[in-house]
PDB file of N, CA and C in Angstrom:
ATOM      1  N   MET A   1      56.287  25.733 -36.362  1.00  0.00           N
ATOM      2  CA  MET A   1      56.641  24.907 -35.242  1.00  0.00           C
ATOM      3  C   MET A   1      55.376  24.400 -34.541  1.00  0.00           C
ATOM      4  N   GLU A   2      55.348  23.171 -34.191  1.00  0.00           N
ATOM      5  CA  GLU A   2      54.174  22.525 -33.561  1.00  0.00           C
ATOM      6  C   GLU A   2      54.191  22.786 -32.056  1.00  0.00           C
ATOM      7  N   PRO A   3      52.981  23.110 -31.469  1.00  0.00           N
ATOM      8  CA  PRO A   3      52.942  23.379 -30.033  1.00  0.00           C
ATOM      9  C   PRO A   3      53.242  22.112 -29.236  1.00  0.00           C
ATOM     10  N   ALA A   4      53.859  22.319 -28.102  1.00  0.00           N
ATOM     11  CA  ALA A   4      54.217  21.186 -27.242  1.00  0.00           C
ATOM     12  C   ALA A   4      52.963  20.614 -26.602  1.00  0.00           C
ATOM     13  N   ARG A   5      52.887  19.314 -26.520  1.00  0.00           N
ATOM     14  CA  ARG A   5      51.722  18.636 -25.923  1.00  0.00           C
ATOM     15  C   ARG A   5      52.144  18.005 -24.609  1.00  0.00           C
ATOM     16  N   SER A   6      51.200  18.053 -23.683  1.00  0.00           N
ATOM     17  CA  SER A   6      51.510  17.395 -22.418  1.00  0.00           C
ATOM     18  C   SER A   6      51.337  15.890 -22.608  1.00  0.00           C
ATOM     19  N   PRO A   7      51.963  15.079 -21.803  1.00  0.00           N
ATOM     20  CA  PRO A   7      51.860  13.627 -21.979  1.00  0.00           C
ATOM     21  C   PRO A   7      50.479  13.090 -21.647  1.00  0.00           C
ATOM     22  N   MET A   8      49.599  13.880 -20.990  1.00  0.00           N
ATOM     23  CA  MET A   8      48.281  13.412 -20.586  1.00  0.00           C
ATOM     24  C   MET A   8      47.243  13.571 -21.696  1.00  0.00           C
ATOM     25  N   THR A   9      47.518  14.314 -22.750  1.00  0.00           N
ATOM     26  CA  THR A   9      46.537  14.523 -23.819  1.00  0.00           C
ATOM     27  C   THR A   9      46.773  13.539 -24.943  1.00  0.00           C
ATOM     28  N   HIS A  10      45.693  13.245 -25.665  1.00  0.00           N
ATOM     29  CA  HIS A  10      45.808  12.345 -26.817  1.00  0.00           C
ATOM     30  C   HIS A  10      46.338  13.142 -27.990  1.00  0.00           C
ATOM     31  N   SER A  11      47.190  12.525 -28.753  1.00  0.00           N
ATOM     32  CA  SER A  11      47.751  13.232 -29.898  1.00  0.00           C
ATOM     33  C   SER A  11      46.777  13.245 -31.065  1.00  0.00           C
ATOM     34  N   ASP A  12      45.928  12.238 -31.186  1.00  0.00           N
ATOM     35  CA  ASP A  12      44.992  12.186 -32.306  1.00  0.00           C
ATOM     36  C   ASP A  12      43.761  11.386 -31.885  1.00  0.00           C
ATOM     37  N   ASP A  13      42.552  11.944 -32.128  1.00  0.00           N
ATOM     38  CA  ASP A  13      41.318  11.250 -31.762  1.00  0.00           C
ATOM     39  C   ASP A  13      41.072  10.028 -32.634  1.00  0.00           C
ATOM     40  N   ASN A  14      41.650   9.977 -33.769  1.00  0.00           N
ATOM     41  CA  ASN A  14      41.436   8.871 -34.698  1.00  0.00           C
ATOM     42  C   ASN A  14      42.383   7.710 -34.447  1.00  0.00           C
ATOM     43  N   GLU A  15      43.253   7.840 -33.482  1.00  0.00           N
ATOM     44  CA  GLU A  15      44.193   6.781 -33.183  1.00  0.00           C
ATOM     45  C   GLU A  15      43.464   5.538 -32.689  1.00  0.00           C
ATOM     46  N   ILE A  16      43.876   4.394 -33.107  1.00  0.00           N
ATOM     47  CA  ILE A  16      43.258   3.140 -32.682  1.00  0.00           C
ATOM     48  C   ILE A  16      43.830   2.766 -31.319  1.00  0.00           C
ATOM     49  N   GLU A  17      42.915   2.384 -30.401  1.00  0.00           N
ATOM     50  CA  GLU A  17      43.357   2.015 -29.057  1.00  0.00           C
ATOM     51  C   GLU A  17      44.075   0.676 -29.104  1.00  0.00           C
ATOM     52  N   LYS A  18      45.075   0.571 -28.298  1.00  0.00           N
ATOM     53  CA  LYS A  18      45.821  -0.681 -28.214  1.00  0.00           C
ATOM     54  C   LYS A  18      44.994  -1.680 -27.420  1.00  0.00           C
ATOM     55  N   PRO A  19      45.022  -2.945 -27.781  1.00  0.00           N
ATOM     56  CA  PRO A  19      44.266  -3.941 -27.016  1.00  0.00           C
ATOM     57  C   PRO A  19      44.842  -4.082 -25.607  1.00  0.00           C
ATOM     58  N   LEU A  20      43.943  -4.402 -24.692  1.00  0.00           N
ATOM     59  CA  LEU A  20      44.358  -4.584 -23.302  1.00  0.00           C
ATOM     60  C   LEU A  20      45.107  -5.903 -23.155  1.00  0.00           C
ATOM     61  N   ASP A  21      45.969  -5.927 -22.185  1.00  0.00           N
ATOM     62  CA  ASP A  21      46.657  -7.197 -21.948  1.00  0.00           C
ATOM     63  C   ASP A  21      45.638  -8.186 -21.361  1.00  0.00           C
ATOM     64  N   PRO A  22      45.840  -9.491 -21.457  1.00  0.00           N
ATOM     65  CA  PRO A  22      44.851 -10.495 -21.055  1.00  0.00           C
ATOM     66  C   PRO A  22      44.398 -10.384 -19.601  1.00  0.00           C
ATOM     67  N   ALA A  23      45.269 -10.059 -18.676  1.00  0.00           N
ATOM     68  CA  ALA A  23      44.875  -9.948 -17.263  1.00  0.00           C
ATOM     69  C   ALA A  23      43.901  -8.779 -17.067  1.00  0.00           C
ATOM     70  N   THR A  24      44.179  -7.653 -17.677  1.00  0.00           N
ATOM     71  CA  THR A  24      43.298  -6.485 -17.564  1.00  0.00           C
ATOM     72  C   THR A  24      41.957  -6.761 -18.241  1.00  0.00           C
ATOM     73  N   GLU A  25      41.983  -7.454 -19.367  1.00  0.00           N
ATOM     74  CA  GLU A  25      40.731  -7.793 -20.065  1.00  0.00           C
ATOM     75  C   GLU A  25      39.859  -8.706 -19.206  1.00  0.00           C
ATOM     76  N   ARG A  26      40.450  -9.674 -18.507  1.00  0.00           N
ATOM     77  CA  ARG A  26      39.678 -10.547 -17.615  1.00  0.00           C
ATOM     78  C   ARG A  26      39.030  -9.736 -16.486  1.00  0.00           C
ATOM     79  N   VAL A  27      39.761  -8.804 -15.911  1.00  0.00           N
ATOM     80  CA  VAL A  27      39.217  -7.964 -14.843  1.00  0.00           C
ATOM     81  C   VAL A  27      38.060  -7.116 -15.380  1.00  0.00           C
ATOM     82  N   ARG A  28      38.245  -6.564 -16.594  1.00  0.00           N
ATOM     83  CA  ARG A  28      37.181  -5.746 -17.193  1.00  0.00           C
ATOM     84  C   ARG A  28      35.918  -6.568 -17.421  1.00  0.00           C
ATOM     85  N   ARG A  29      36.069  -7.793 -17.908  1.00  0.00           N
ATOM     86  CA  ARG A  29      34.913  -8.654 -18.147  1.00  0.00           C
ATOM     87  C   ARG A  29      34.209  -9.017 -16.833  1.00  0.00           C
ATOM     88  N   LYS A  30      34.986  -9.283 -15.783  1.00  0.00           N
ATOM     89  CA  LYS A  30      34.385  -9.576 -14.482  1.00  0.00           C
ATOM     90  C   LYS A  30      33.591  -8.380 -13.964  1.00  0.00           C
ATOM     91  N   LEU A  31      34.137  -7.188 -14.138  1.00  0.00           N
ATOM     92  CA  LEU A  31      33.429  -5.984 -13.681  1.00  0.00           C
ATOM     93  C   LEU A  31      32.140  -5.755 -14.475  1.00  0.00           C
ATOM     94  N   VAL A  32      32.190  -5.990 -15.788  1.00  0.00           N
ATOM     95  CA  VAL A  32      30.979  -5.846 -16.604  1.00  0.00           C
ATOM     96  C   VAL A  32      29.927  -6.870 -16.174  1.00  0.00           C
ATOM     97  N   ARG A  33      30.349  -8.108 -15.899  1.00  0.00           N
ATOM     98  CA  ARG A  33      29.424  -9.147 -15.439  1.00  0.00           C
ATOM     99  C   ARG A  33      28.825  -8.764 -14.075  1.00  0.00           C
ATOM    100  N   LEU A  34      29.664  -8.269 -13.167  1.00  0.00           N
ATOM    101  CA  LEU A  34      29.186  -7.832 -11.854  1.00  0.00           C
ATOM    102  C   LEU A  34      28.186  -6.690 -11.988  1.00  0.00           C
ATOM    103  N   LEU A  35      28.463  -5.762 -12.881  1.00  0.00           N
ATOM    104  CA  LEU A  35      27.539  -4.651 -13.120  1.00  0.00           C
ATOM    105  C   LEU A  35      26.193  -5.166 -13.640  1.00  0.00           C
ATOM    106  N   GLY A  36      26.221  -6.105 -14.557  1.00  0.00           N
ATOM    107  CA  GLY A  36      24.976  -6.672 -15.089  1.00  0.00           C
ATOM    108  C   GLY A  36      24.171  -7.396 -14.025  1.00  0.00           C
ATOM    109  N   VAL A  37      24.829  -8.180 -13.181  1.00  0.00           N
ATOM    110  CA  VAL A  37      24.137  -8.901 -12.103  1.00  0.00           C
ATOM    111  C   VAL A  37      23.551  -7.916 -11.100  1.00  0.00           C
ATOM    112  N   SER A  38      24.324  -6.882 -10.757  1.00  0.00           N
ATOM    113  CA  SER A  38      23.836  -5.877  -9.798  1.00  0.00           C
ATOM    114  C   SER A  38      22.612  -5.148 -10.331  1.00  0.00           C
ATOM    115  N   ILE A  39      22.640  -4.766 -11.591  1.00  0.00           N
ATOM    116  CA  ILE A  39      21.486  -4.089 -12.188  1.00  0.00           C
ATOM    117  C   ILE A  39      20.284  -5.022 -12.204  1.00  0.00           C
ATOM    118  N   GLY A  40      20.481  -6.282 -12.520  1.00  0.00           N
ATOM    119  CA  GLY A  40      19.369  -7.242 -12.513  1.00  0.00           C
ATOM    120  C   GLY A  40      18.752  -7.396 -11.135  1.00  0.00           C
ATOM    121  N   ILE A  41      19.591  -7.502 -10.106  1.00  0.00           N
ATOM    122  CA  ILE A  41      19.072  -7.616  -8.740  1.00  0.00           C
ATOM    123  C   ILE A  41      18.304  -6.365  -8.344  1.00  0.00           C
ATOM    124  N   MET A  42      18.808  -5.198  -8.700  1.00  0.00           N
ATOM    125  CA  MET A  42      18.116  -3.942  -8.368  1.00  0.00           C
ATOM    126  C   MET A  42      16.762  -3.852  -9.080  1.00  0.00           C
ATOM    127  N   VAL A  43      16.696  -4.285 -10.325  1.00  0.00           N
ATOM    128  CA  VAL A  43      15.422  -4.265 -11.052  1.00  0.00           C
ATOM    129  C   VAL A  43      14.419  -5.197 -10.384  1.00  0.00           C
ATOM    130  N   ILE A  44      14.856  -6.377  -9.981  1.00  0.00           N
ATOM    131  CA  ILE A  44      13.968  -7.319  -9.299  1.00  0.00           C
ATOM    132  C   ILE A  44      13.495  -6.737  -7.969  1.00  0.00           C
ATOM    133  N   ALA A  45      14.392  -6.093  -7.217  1.00  0.00           N
ATOM    134  CA  ALA A  45      14.022  -5.500  -5.930  1.00  0.00           C
ATOM    135  C   ALA A  45      13.015  -4.375  -6.111  1.00  0.00           C
ATOM    136  N   VAL A  46      13.217  -3.524  -7.103  1.00  0.00           N
ATOM    137  CA  VAL A  46      12.271  -2.423  -7.355  1.00  0.00           C
ATOM    138  C   VAL A  46      10.913  -2.982  -7.760  1.00  0.00           C
ATOM    139  N   MET A  47      10.900  -4.015  -8.584  1.00  0.00           N
ATOM    140  CA  MET A  47       9.625  -4.621  -8.985  1.00  0.00           C
ATOM    141  C   MET A  47       8.911  -5.233  -7.782  1.00  0.00           C
ATOM    142  N   ALA A  48       9.646  -5.854  -6.858  1.00  0.00           N
ATOM    143  CA  ALA A  48       9.038  -6.427  -5.660  1.00  0.00           C
ATOM    144  C   ALA A  48       8.423  -5.341  -4.783  1.00  0.00           C
ATOM    145  N   VAL A  49       9.128  -4.230  -4.618  1.00  0.00           N
ATOM    146  CA  VAL A  49       8.595  -3.125  -3.808  1.00  0.00           C
ATOM    147  C   VAL A  49       7.349  -2.541  -4.462  1.00  0.00           C
ATOM    148  N   LEU A  50       7.392  -2.318  -5.754  1.00  0.00           N
ATOM    149  CA  LEU A  50       6.217  -1.783  -6.454  1.00  0.00           C
ATOM    150  C   LEU A  50       5.047  -2.758  -6.374  1.00  0.00           C
ATOM    151  N   GLY A  51       5.326  -4.045  -6.495  1.00  0.00           N
ATOM    152  CA  GLY A  51       4.264  -5.049  -6.363  1.00  0.00           C
ATOM    153  C   GLY A  51       3.638  -5.019  -4.985  1.00  0.00           C
ATOM    154  N   ALA A  52       4.465  -4.875  -3.944  1.00  0.00           N
ATOM    155  CA  ALA A  52       3.937  -4.810  -2.580  1.00  0.00           C
ATOM    156  C   ALA A  52       3.083  -3.567  -2.378  1.00  0.00           C
ATOM    157  N   VAL A  53       3.509  -2.431  -2.936  1.00  0.00           N
ATOM    158  CA  VAL A  53       2.731  -1.190  -2.812  1.00  0.00           C
ATOM    159  C   VAL A  53       1.397  -1.334  -3.522  1.00  0.00           C
ATOM    160  N   VAL A  54       1.409  -1.874  -4.735  1.00  0.00           N
ATOM    161  CA  VAL A  54       0.154  -2.048  -5.482  1.00  0.00           C
ATOM    162  C   VAL A  54      -0.776  -3.000  -4.745  1.00  0.00           C
ATOM    163  N   TYR A  55      -0.238  -4.078  -4.190  1.00  0.00           N
ATOM    164  CA  TYR A  55      -1.061  -5.031  -3.441  1.00  0.00           C
ATOM    165  C   TYR A  55      -1.682  -4.367  -2.225  1.00  0.00           C
ATOM    166  N   LYS A  56      -0.883  -3.582  -1.493  1.00  0.00           N
ATOM    167  CA  LYS A  56      -1.374  -2.932  -0.278  1.00  0.00           C
ATOM    168  C   LYS A  56      -2.466  -1.919  -0.615  1.00  0.00           C
ATOM    169  N   VAL A  57      -2.282  -1.155  -1.681  1.00  0.00           N
ATOM    170  CA  VAL A  57      -3.275  -0.153  -2.066  1.00  0.00           C
ATOM    171  C   VAL A  57      -4.553  -0.819  -2.556  1.00  0.00           C
ATOM    172  N   SER A  58      -4.425  -1.890  -3.321  1.00  0.00           N
ATOM    173  CA  SER A  58      -5.616  -2.532  -3.885  1.00  0.00           C
ATOM    174  C   SER A  58      -6.380  -3.370  -2.860  1.00  0.00           C
ATOM    175  N   SER A  59      -5.721  -3.745  -1.753  1.00  0.00           N
ATOM    176  CA  SER A  59      -6.401  -4.578  -0.759  1.00  0.00           C
ATOM    177  C   SER A  59      -7.197  -3.762   0.242  1.00  0.00           C
ATOM    178  N   GLY A  60      -7.212  -2.461   0.123  1.00  0.00           N
ATOM    179  CA  GLY A  60      -8.007  -1.616   1.027  1.00  0.00           C
ATOM    180  C   GLY A  60      -7.140  -0.893   2.023  1.00  0.00           C
ATOM    181  N   SER A  61      -7.722  -0.521   3.135  1.00  0.00           N
ATOM    182  CA  SER A  61      -7.026   0.296   4.129  1.00  0.00           C
ATOM    183  C   SER A  61      -5.959  -0.478   4.869  1.00  0.00           C
ATOM    184  N   GLY A  62      -5.996  -1.775   4.836  1.00  0.00           N
ATOM    185  CA  GLY A  62      -4.986  -2.569   5.508  1.00  0.00           C
ATOM    186  C   GLY A  62      -5.329  -2.859   6.953  1.00  0.00           C
ATOM    187  N   GLY A  63      -6.375  -2.254   7.465  1.00  0.00           N
ATOM    188  CA  GLY A  63      -6.781  -2.492   8.836  1.00  0.00           C
ATOM    189  C   GLY A  63      -7.522  -3.813   8.959  1.00  0.00           C
ATOM    190  N   ALA A  64      -8.037  -4.067  10.137  1.00  0.00           N
ATOM    191  CA  ALA A  64      -8.786  -5.309  10.363  1.00  0.00           C
ATOM    192  C   ALA A  64     -10.090  -5.261   9.573  1.00  0.00           C
ATOM    193  N   ARG A  65     -10.290  -6.244   8.762  1.00  0.00           N
ATOM    194  CA  ARG A  65     -11.517  -6.311   7.977  1.00  0.00           C
ATOM    195  C   ARG A  65     -12.537  -7.157   8.710  1.00  0.00           C
ATOM    196  N   LEU A  66     -13.795  -6.809   8.527  1.00  0.00           N
ATOM    197  CA  LEU A  66     -14.870  -7.572   9.152  1.00  0.00           C
ATOM    198  C   LEU A  66     -15.066  -8.876   8.409  1.00  0.00           C
ATOM    199  N   GLN A  67     -15.208  -9.927   9.138  1.00  0.00           N
ATOM    200  CA  GLN A  67     -15.512 -11.207   8.540  1.00  0.00           C
ATOM    201  C   GLN A  67     -17.031 -11.302   8.412  1.00  0.00           C
ATOM    202  N   PRO A  68     -17.528 -11.593   7.235  1.00  0.00           N
ATOM    203  CA  PRO A  68     -18.976 -11.677   7.078  1.00  0.00           C
ATOM    204  C   PRO A  68     -19.552 -12.822   7.913  1.00  0.00           C
ATOM    205  N   LYS A  69     -20.644 -12.527   8.580  1.00  0.00           N
ATOM    206  CA  LYS A  69     -21.328 -13.540   9.370  1.00  0.00           C
ATOM    207  C   LYS A  69     -22.676 -13.807   8.732  1.00  0.00           C
ATOM    208  N   ALA A  70     -23.149 -15.020   8.890  1.00  0.00           N
ATOM    209  CA  ALA A  70     -24.435 -15.381   8.301  1.00  0.00           C
ATOM    210  C   ALA A  70     -25.577 -14.654   9.007  1.00  0.00           C
ATOM    211  N   GLU A  71     -25.467 -14.520  10.328  1.00  0.00           N
ATOM    212  CA  GLU A  71     -26.538 -13.886  11.089  1.00  0.00           C
ATOM    213  C   GLU A  71     -25.958 -13.281  12.357  1.00  0.00           C
ATOM    214  N   MET A  72     -26.455 -12.092  12.707  1.00  0.00           N
ATOM    215  CA  MET A  72     -26.010 -11.422  13.912  1.00  0.00           C
ATOM    216  C   MET A  72     -27.241 -10.854  14.613  1.00  0.00           C
ATOM    217  N   ALA A  73     -27.335 -11.079  15.905  1.00  0.00           N
ATOM    218  CA  ALA A  73     -28.478 -10.581  16.668  1.00  0.00           C
ATOM    219  C   ALA A  73     -28.118  -9.251  17.312  1.00  0.00           C
ATOM    220  N   ILE A  74     -28.990  -8.263  17.141  1.00  0.00           N
ATOM    221  CA  ILE A  74     -28.832  -6.953  17.776  1.00  0.00           C
ATOM    222  C   ILE A  74     -30.020  -6.775  18.706  1.00  0.00           C
ATOM    223  N   ALA A  75     -29.726  -6.507  19.975  1.00  0.00           N
ATOM    224  CA  ALA A  75     -30.784  -6.410  20.987  1.00  0.00           C
ATOM    225  C   ALA A  75     -31.416  -5.022  20.949  1.00  0.00           C
ATOM    226  N   ILE A  76     -32.609  -4.925  20.350  1.00  0.00           N
ATOM    227  CA  ILE A  76     -33.374  -3.670  20.393  1.00  0.00           C
ATOM    228  C   ILE A  76     -34.572  -3.893  21.316  1.00  0.00           C
ATOM    229  N   PRO A  77     -35.109  -2.818  21.885  1.00  0.00           N
ATOM    230  CA  PRO A  77     -36.230  -2.980  22.815  1.00  0.00           C
ATOM    231  C   PRO A  77     -37.428  -3.677  22.160  1.00  0.00           C
ATOM    232  N   ALA A  78     -38.159  -4.426  22.983  1.00  0.00           N
ATOM    233  CA  ALA A  78     -39.348  -5.130  22.476  1.00  0.00           C
ATOM    234  C   ALA A  78     -40.368  -4.111  21.983  1.00  0.00           C
ATOM    235  N   GLY A  79     -40.987  -4.385  20.862  1.00  0.00           N
ATOM    236  CA  GLY A  79     -42.008  -3.508  20.295  1.00  0.00           C
ATOM    237  C   GLY A  79     -41.435  -2.337  19.509  1.00  0.00           C
ATOM    238  N   ALA A  80     -40.116  -2.232  19.396  1.00  0.00           N
ATOM    239  CA  ALA A  80     -39.509  -1.123  18.658  1.00  0.00           C
ATOM    240  C   ALA A  80     -39.549  -1.403  17.164  1.00  0.00           C
ATOM    241  N   GLU A  81     -39.659  -0.342  16.403  1.00  0.00           N
ATOM    242  CA  GLU A  81     -39.710  -0.448  14.941  1.00  0.00           C
ATOM    243  C   GLU A  81     -38.468   0.232  14.364  1.00  0.00           C
ATOM    244  N   VAL A  82     -37.754  -0.467  13.528  1.00  0.00           N
ATOM    245  CA  VAL A  82     -36.570   0.111  12.885  1.00  0.00           C
ATOM    246  C   VAL A  82     -37.033   1.050  11.777  1.00  0.00           C
ATOM    247  N   VAL A  83     -36.621   2.305  11.889  1.00  0.00           N
ATOM    248  CA  VAL A  83     -37.031   3.328  10.924  1.00  0.00           C
ATOM    249  C   VAL A  83     -35.956   3.527   9.861  1.00  0.00           C
ATOM    250  N   GLU A  84     -34.706   3.533  10.278  1.00  0.00           N
ATOM    251  CA  GLU A  84     -33.623   3.848   9.337  1.00  0.00           C
ATOM    252  C   GLU A  84     -32.318   3.230   9.844  1.00  0.00           C
ATOM    253  N   THR A  85     -31.425   2.872   8.913  1.00  0.00           N
ATOM    254  CA  THR A  85     -30.088   2.378   9.272  1.00  0.00           C
ATOM    255  C   THR A  85     -29.041   3.100   8.434  1.00  0.00           C
ATOM    256  N   SER A  86     -27.846   3.189   8.980  1.00  0.00           N
ATOM    257  CA  SER A  86     -26.736   3.815   8.273  1.00  0.00           C
ATOM    258  C   SER A  86     -25.455   3.110   8.703  1.00  0.00           C
ATOM    259  N   LEU A  87     -24.589   2.805   7.737  1.00  0.00           N
ATOM    260  CA  LEU A  87     -23.331   2.103   8.017  1.00  0.00           C
ATOM    261  C   LEU A  87     -22.152   3.065   7.960  1.00  0.00           C
ATOM    262  N   ASP A  88     -21.165   2.832   8.837  1.00  0.00           N
ATOM    263  CA  ASP A  88     -19.936   3.612   8.838  1.00  0.00           C
ATOM    264  C   ASP A  88     -18.797   2.705   9.279  1.00  0.00           C
ATOM    265  N   GLY A  89     -18.109   2.104   8.321  1.00  0.00           N
ATOM    266  CA  GLY A  89     -16.984   1.224   8.641  1.00  0.00           C
ATOM    267  C   GLY A  89     -17.443  -0.015   9.400  1.00  0.00           C
ATOM    268  N   ASP A  90     -17.031  -0.132  10.654  1.00  0.00           N
ATOM    269  CA  ASP A  90     -17.387  -1.303  11.457  1.00  0.00           C
ATOM    270  C   ASP A  90     -18.502  -1.001  12.450  1.00  0.00           C
ATOM    271  N   ARG A  91     -19.266   0.065  12.170  1.00  0.00           N
ATOM    272  CA  ARG A  91     -20.382   0.433  13.046  1.00  0.00           C
ATOM    273  C   ARG A  91     -21.631   0.715  12.210  1.00  0.00           C
ATOM    274  N   ALA A  92     -22.777   0.614  12.862  1.00  0.00           N
ATOM    275  CA  ALA A  92     -24.046   0.938  12.217  1.00  0.00           C
ATOM    276  C   ALA A  92     -24.830   1.853  13.155  1.00  0.00           C
ATOM    277  N   LEU A  93     -25.528   2.800  12.574  1.00  0.00           N
ATOM    278  CA  LEU A  93     -26.417   3.671  13.344  1.00  0.00           C
ATOM    279  C   LEU A  93     -27.838   3.268  12.970  1.00  0.00           C
ATOM    280  N   ILE A  94     -28.615   2.872  13.972  1.00  0.00           N
ATOM    281  CA  ILE A  94     -29.983   2.408  13.744  1.00  0.00           C
ATOM    282  C   ILE A  94     -30.937   3.374  14.441  1.00  0.00           C
ATOM    283  N   ARG A  95     -31.887   3.910  13.675  1.00  0.00           N
ATOM    284  CA  ARG A  95     -32.922   4.777  14.268  1.00  0.00           C
ATOM    285  C   ARG A  95     -34.164   3.918  14.473  1.00  0.00           C
ATOM    286  N   ILE A  96     -34.653   3.895  15.709  1.00  0.00           N
ATOM    287  CA  ILE A  96     -35.822   3.070  16.033  1.00  0.00           C
ATOM    288  C   ILE A  96     -36.917   3.952  16.638  1.00  0.00           C
ATOM    289  N   ARG A  97     -38.133   3.485  16.504  1.00  0.00           N
ATOM    290  CA  ARG A  97     -39.294   4.148  17.113  1.00  0.00           C
ATOM    291  C   ARG A  97     -39.805   3.220  18.210  1.00  0.00           C
ATOM    292  N   THR A  98     -39.835   3.728  19.430  1.00  0.00           N
ATOM    293  CA  THR A  98     -40.334   2.962  20.572  1.00  0.00           C
ATOM    294  C   THR A  98     -41.588   3.652  21.107  1.00  0.00           C
ATOM    295  N   ALA A  99     -42.207   3.055  22.115  1.00  0.00           N
ATOM    296  CA  ALA A  99     -43.389   3.665  22.740  1.00  0.00           C
ATOM    297  C   ALA A  99     -43.025   4.985  23.422  1.00  0.00           C
ATOM    298  N   ARG A 100     -41.763   5.147  23.830  1.00  0.00           N
ATOM    299  CA  ARG A 100     -41.339   6.379  24.508  1.00  0.00           C
ATOM    300  C   ARG A 100     -40.747   7.408  23.555  1.00  0.00           C
ATOM    301  N   GLY A 101     -40.667   7.142  22.259  1.00  0.00           N
ATOM    302  CA  GLY A 101     -40.139   8.101  21.281  1.00  0.00           C
ATOM    303  C   GLY A 101     -39.050   7.495  20.413  1.00  0.00           C
ATOM    304  N   MET A 102     -38.392   8.378  19.689  1.00  0.00           N
ATOM    305  CA  MET A 102     -37.334   7.948  18.758  1.00  0.00           C
ATOM    306  C   MET A 102     -36.009   7.803  19.510  1.00  0.00           C
ATOM    307  N   ARG A 103     -35.214   6.806  19.091  1.00  0.00           N
ATOM    308  CA  ARG A 103     -33.889   6.558  19.680  1.00  0.00           C
ATOM    309  C   ARG A 103     -32.902   6.239  18.551  1.00  0.00           C
ATOM    310  N   LEU A 104     -31.656   6.546  18.820  1.00  0.00           N
ATOM    311  CA  LEU A 104     -30.563   6.163  17.927  1.00  0.00           C
ATOM    312  C   LEU A 104     -29.697   5.151  18.662  1.00  0.00           C
ATOM    313  N   LEU A 105     -29.364   4.070  17.983  1.00  0.00           N
ATOM    314  CA  LEU A 105     -28.496   3.048  18.561  1.00  0.00           C
ATOM    315  C   LEU A 105     -27.234   2.958  17.700  1.00  0.00           C
ATOM    316  N   LEU A 106     -26.076   3.128  18.322  1.00  0.00           N
ATOM    317  CA  LEU A 106     -24.806   2.940  17.637  1.00  0.00           C
ATOM    318  C   LEU A 106     -24.350   1.516  17.952  1.00  0.00           C
ATOM    319  N   VAL A 107     -24.262   0.676  16.907  1.00  0.00           N
ATOM    320  CA  VAL A 107     -24.040  -0.757  17.071  1.00  0.00           C
ATOM    321  C   VAL A 107     -22.699  -1.149  16.456  1.00  0.00           C
ATOM    322  N   SER A 108     -21.947  -2.001  17.160  1.00  0.00           N
ATOM    323  CA  SER A 108     -20.711  -2.560  16.628  1.00  0.00           C
ATOM    324  C   SER A 108     -21.062  -3.729  15.719  1.00  0.00           C
ATOM    325  N   LEU A 109     -20.568  -3.690  14.499  1.00  0.00           N
ATOM    326  CA  LEU A 109     -20.848  -4.788  13.566  1.00  0.00           C
ATOM    327  C   LEU A 109     -19.968  -6.001  13.842  1.00  0.00           C
ATOM    328  N   ALA A 110     -18.916  -5.824  14.629  1.00  0.00           N
ATOM    329  CA  ALA A 110     -18.034  -6.947  14.939  1.00  0.00           C
ATOM    330  C   ALA A 110     -18.731  -7.965  15.837  1.00  0.00           C
ATOM    331  N   ASP A 111     -19.469  -7.459  16.822  1.00  0.00           N
ATOM    332  CA  ASP A 111     -20.104  -8.388  17.760  1.00  0.00           C
ATOM    333  C   ASP A 111     -21.608  -8.154  17.950  1.00  0.00           C
ATOM    334  N   GLY A 112     -22.170  -7.129  17.331  1.00  0.00           N
ATOM    335  CA  GLY A 112     -23.602  -6.853  17.447  1.00  0.00           C
ATOM    336  C   GLY A 112     -23.987  -6.124  18.716  1.00  0.00           C
ATOM    337  N   GLY A 113     -23.023  -5.726  19.525  1.00  0.00           N
ATOM    338  CA  GLY A 113     -23.313  -5.031  20.772  1.00  0.00           C
ATOM    339  C   GLY A 113     -23.639  -3.565  20.543  1.00  0.00           C
ATOM    340  N   ILE A 114     -24.505  -3.027  21.405  1.00  0.00           N
ATOM    341  CA  ILE A 114     -24.879  -1.610  21.319  1.00  0.00           C
ATOM    342  C   ILE A 114     -23.787  -0.807  22.035  1.00  0.00           C
ATOM    343  N   LEU A 115     -23.139   0.093  21.296  1.00  0.00           N
ATOM    344  CA  LEU A 115     -22.091   0.914  21.866  1.00  0.00           C
ATOM    345  C   LEU A 115     -22.679   2.093  22.641  1.00  0.00           C
ATOM    346  N   VAL A 116     -23.659   2.776  22.031  1.00  0.00           N
ATOM    347  CA  VAL A 116     -24.279   3.951  22.642  1.00  0.00           C
ATOM    348  C   VAL A 116     -25.726   3.995  22.220  1.00  0.00           C
ATOM    349  N   SER A 117     -26.593   4.474  23.127  1.00  0.00           N
ATOM    350  CA  SER A 117     -28.006   4.659  22.820  1.00  0.00           C
ATOM    351  C   SER A 117     -28.357   6.129  23.082  1.00  0.00           C
ATOM    352  N   TYR A 118     -28.935   6.787  22.079  1.00  0.00           N
ATOM    353  CA  TYR A 118     -29.304   8.206  22.188  1.00  0.00           C
ATOM    354  C   TYR A 118     -30.819   8.325  22.142  1.00  0.00           C
ATOM    355  N   ALA A 119     -31.381   9.109  23.053  1.00  0.00           N
ATOM    356  CA  ALA A 119     -32.814   9.403  23.032  1.00  0.00           C
ATOM    357  C   ALA A 119     -33.013  10.717  22.285  1.00  0.00           C
ATOM    358  N   LEU A 120     -33.949  10.719  21.330  1.00  0.00           N
ATOM    359  CA  LEU A 120     -34.243  11.938  20.575  1.00  0.00           C
ATOM    360  C   LEU A 120     -35.478  12.588  21.174  1.00  0.00           C
ATOM    361  N   SER A 121     -35.333  13.863  21.533  1.00  0.00           N
ATOM    362  CA  SER A 121     -36.488  14.580  22.118  1.00  0.00           C
ATOM    363  C   SER A 121     -37.180  15.360  21.014  1.00  0.00           C
ATOM    364  N   GLY A 122     -38.424  15.638  21.215  1.00  0.00           N
ATOM    365  CA  GLY A 122     -39.243  16.333  20.207  1.00  0.00           C
ATOM    366  C   GLY A 122     -39.119  17.842  20.266  1.00  0.00           C
ATOM    367  N   GLY A 123     -38.418  18.449  21.188  1.00  0.00           N
ATOM    368  CA  GLY A 123     -38.404  19.900  21.312  1.00  0.00           C
ATOM    369  C   GLY A 123     -37.073  20.423  21.066  1.00  0.00           C
TER     370      GLY A 123
END
């Protein structure tokens, strides 16, 4: 005797599926088309985001960049001799020798103004 089967199970895996009626087939095709369009839009959006990230990373820190100037005047004391310079972002540290001793000048590269002046003592 064959066991009873519930109506929800398939009787045979090799059974050929019946074709869908035309209205259901049209709905299925519309859904497949919608799925394809949605996936395409998502791929384009992900590529745009990745492009923006790569652009932002490759363009530097993203902060205000200094515009190169042909010439900038920095006011150091008359008769002073520049001994050493060091750059740090938008600032420069200049070590000068004056008649009164060594000094450090912290200079803004944006406008050439002296931000701070340090006197170096010998002791």
